[in-house]
Amino acid sequence: MPLALRPARPDDAALILSFVRELAEYEKLLHEVEATAEDFARDLFGPQPRVFCDIAEWDGAPAGFALWYYTFSTFRGRQGIFLEDIFVRPQFRGRGIARALMRRLARRCVDEALGRFEWNVLDWNAPAIRFYRSVGAVPLDAWTMQRVSGEALEKLAEG
């Protein structure tokens, strides 16, 4: 089979950064990428990993990735998985790679008795939204994500 999925390894940090930059370019957000390969190496492969990554390879070539972490739902009383990013390089699309990455995370949720599998999608990304509907995802229209970062985060921390 030409598709192989595997957990990321420490020597994948630069590859992960490359995938992130390619995704950001597609989303017209490349100017927001501050991450470095060292950041990924530290947080994915340090003594207490807080984020995880699966790599998809097609005939041995890096084709895509899914970067995720555990969450906790107080309402469900159990952990879940939040998919921070999923990306398949354009030349590898249409081969079921994204679906395989999603299936792998769904299997982890089921095997670990996790309560949820969640992610965000940009509202203009119609191809991704169609794909997510095809795997059974439903939008949470009543919820709006909130964010505090940069100077506002510093100000909030100071009280």
Protein backbone atom coordinates (compact mmCIF):
# COMPACT_ATOMS: atom_id res chain seq x y z
CA MET A 1 0.00 0.00 0.00
CA PRO A 2 1.46 3.40 -0.92
CA LEU A 3 0.03 5.17 2.18
CA ALA A 4 1.81 4.88 5.52
CA LEU A 5 0.86 6.71 8.72
CA ARG A 6 3.28 6.99 11.60
CA PRO A 7 3.89 9.04 14.71
CA ALA A 8 6.26 11.94 14.15
CA ARG A 9 9.86 11.45 15.24
CA PRO A 10 12.34 14.02 16.59
CA ASP A 11 14.01 14.27 13.18
CA ASP A 12 10.64 15.39 11.72
CA ALA A 13 10.63 18.81 13.43
CA ALA A 14 11.73 20.67 10.29
CA LEU A 15 9.23 18.70 8.18
CA ILE A 16 6.42 19.62 10.57
CA LEU A 17 7.40 23.28 10.32
CA SER A 18 7.37 22.94 6.53
CA PHE A 19 3.83 21.50 6.63
CA VAL A 20 2.70 24.31 8.95
CA ARG A 21 4.15 26.94 6.64
CA GLU A 22 2.50 25.33 3.59
CA LEU A 23 -0.84 25.24 5.40
CA ALA A 24 -0.45 28.85 6.51
CA GLU A 25 0.35 29.89 2.96
CA TYR A 26 -2.84 28.18 1.73
CA GLU A 27 -4.83 29.95 4.46
CA LYS A 28 -3.17 33.28 3.60
CA LEU A 29 -1.74 33.40 7.12
CA LEU A 30 1.96 32.79 6.46
CA HIS A 31 2.76 36.18 8.00
CA GLU A 32 1.46 34.86 11.33
CA VAL A 33 3.79 31.85 11.58
CA GLU A 34 6.34 32.42 14.32
CA ALA A 35 7.01 28.76 15.12
CA THR A 36 10.43 27.22 14.57
CA ALA A 37 11.59 23.66 14.16
CA GLU A 38 13.07 23.99 17.65
CA ASP A 39 9.61 24.83 19.03
CA PHE A 40 8.19 21.64 17.56
CA ALA A 41 11.16 19.58 18.75
CA ARG A 42 10.72 20.92 22.30
CA ASP A 43 6.97 20.47 22.60
CA LEU A 44 6.48 17.25 20.64
CA PHE A 45 9.58 15.37 21.75
CA GLY A 46 10.64 16.84 25.09
CA PRO A 47 10.38 15.04 28.43
CA GLN A 48 6.65 15.85 28.79
CA PRO A 49 5.09 16.14 25.33
CA ARG A 50 1.94 18.26 25.28
CA VAL A 51 1.22 18.01 21.57
CA PHE A 52 1.44 15.11 19.16
CA CYS A 53 1.78 14.63 15.43
CA ASP A 54 1.08 11.94 12.89
CA ILE A 55 2.86 11.96 9.53
CA ALA A 56 1.39 10.59 6.32
CA GLU A 57 3.75 9.29 3.66
CA TRP A 58 2.81 8.30 0.13
CA ASP A 59 5.30 5.87 -1.42
CA GLY A 60 7.80 7.08 1.19
CA ALA A 61 7.36 10.79 0.39
CA PRO A 62 6.04 13.16 3.09
CA ALA A 63 2.45 13.86 2.05
CA GLY A 64 0.71 15.37 5.07
CA PHE A 65 0.34 15.64 8.80
CA ALA A 66 -2.10 15.96 11.67
CA LEU A 67 -1.01 17.86 14.78
CA TRP A 68 -3.20 17.34 17.85
CA TYR A 69 -3.43 17.42 21.64
CA TYR A 70 -5.65 16.17 24.44
CA THR A 71 -8.42 18.34 25.84
CA PHE A 72 -10.83 17.81 28.71
CA SER A 73 -14.60 18.29 28.74
CA THR A 74 -16.10 19.08 32.11
CA PHE A 75 -19.55 18.31 30.71
CA ARG A 76 -18.52 14.87 29.42
CA GLY A 77 -16.15 14.23 32.30
CA ARG A 78 -13.46 12.88 30.03
CA GLN A 79 -10.65 13.83 27.73
CA GLY A 80 -10.93 14.41 24.02
CA ILE A 81 -8.68 15.24 21.12
CA PHE A 82 -8.35 18.66 19.51
CA LEU A 83 -6.96 18.60 15.99
CA GLU A 84 -4.92 21.78 15.74
CA ASP A 85 -3.90 21.31 12.10
CA ILE A 86 -4.34 18.80 9.33
CA PHE A 87 -2.76 19.30 5.94
CA VAL A 88 -2.12 17.25 2.82
CA ARG A 89 0.18 18.61 0.16
CA PRO A 90 -1.74 19.49 -3.03
CA GLN A 91 -0.03 16.88 -5.19
CA PHE A 92 -1.21 14.13 -2.81
CA ARG A 93 -4.84 15.23 -2.39
CA GLY A 94 -7.72 13.04 -3.50
CA ARG A 95 -6.03 9.84 -2.33
CA GLY A 96 -7.79 9.47 1.04
CA ILE A 97 -4.84 10.71 3.08
CA ALA A 98 -6.74 13.29 5.15
CA ARG A 99 -9.50 10.76 5.78
CA ALA A 100 -6.91 8.21 6.92
CA LEU A 101 -5.34 10.74 9.32
CA MET A 102 -8.80 11.61 10.70
CA ARG A 103 -9.70 7.92 11.00
CA ARG A 104 -6.47 7.29 12.94
CA LEU A 105 -7.40 10.00 15.47
CA ALA A 106 -11.00 8.80 15.67
CA ARG A 107 -9.69 5.28 16.39
CA ARG A 108 -7.51 6.71 19.18
CA CYS A 109 -10.58 8.42 20.65
CA VAL A 110 -12.57 5.18 20.58
CA ASP A 111 -9.69 3.03 21.90
CA GLU A 112 -8.98 5.46 24.77
CA ALA A 113 -12.68 6.05 25.56
CA LEU A 114 -12.30 9.76 24.85
CA GLY A 115 -15.43 11.88 24.66
CA ARG A 116 -14.77 14.20 21.71
CA PHE A 117 -12.81 14.81 18.56
CA GLU A 118 -12.89 18.51 17.63
CA TRP A 119 -11.22 21.07 15.39
CA ASN A 120 -11.77 24.47 13.80
CA VAL A 121 -12.12 25.35 10.14
CA LEU A 122 -11.97 28.74 8.46
CA ASP A 123 -15.46 29.73 7.34
CA TRP A 124 -14.30 30.42 3.75
CA ASN A 125 -12.66 27.00 3.28
CA ALA A 126 -15.53 25.30 1.44
CA PRO A 127 -13.50 22.24 0.31
CA ALA A 128 -12.45 21.50 3.91
CA ILE A 129 -15.98 22.07 5.21
CA ARG A 130 -17.38 19.64 2.61
CA PHE A 131 -14.75 17.09 3.61
CA TYR A 132 -15.51 17.48 7.31
CA ARG A 133 -19.24 17.01 6.68
CA SER A 134 -18.40 13.83 4.75
CA VAL A 135 -16.72 12.36 7.84
CA GLY A 136 -19.72 13.19 10.03
CA ALA A 137 -18.61 16.48 11.60
CA VAL A 138 -21.27 18.98 12.62
CA PRO A 139 -20.70 22.71 13.10
CA LEU A 140 -21.08 24.24 16.55
CA ASP A 141 -22.81 27.38 15.35
CA ALA A 142 -23.70 28.65 18.82
CA TRP A 143 -20.03 28.74 19.87
CA THR A 144 -17.54 31.46 18.99
CA MET A 145 -13.86 30.92 19.63
CA GLN A 146 -12.19 33.59 21.75
CA ARG A 147 -8.48 34.37 21.90
CA VAL A 148 -6.15 36.46 24.03
CA SER A 149 -2.56 36.76 22.83
CA GLY A 150 0.37 39.13 22.57
CA GLU A 151 0.01 42.42 24.44
CA ALA A 152 -3.55 41.62 25.55
CA LEU A 153 -2.31 38.37 27.13
CA GLU A 154 0.44 40.23 28.97
CA LYS A 155 -2.06 42.80 30.21
CA LEU A 156 -4.50 40.13 31.40
CA ALA A 157 -1.71 38.29 33.20
CA GLU A 158 -0.73 41.47 35.02
CA GLY A 159 -4.27 41.94 36.29
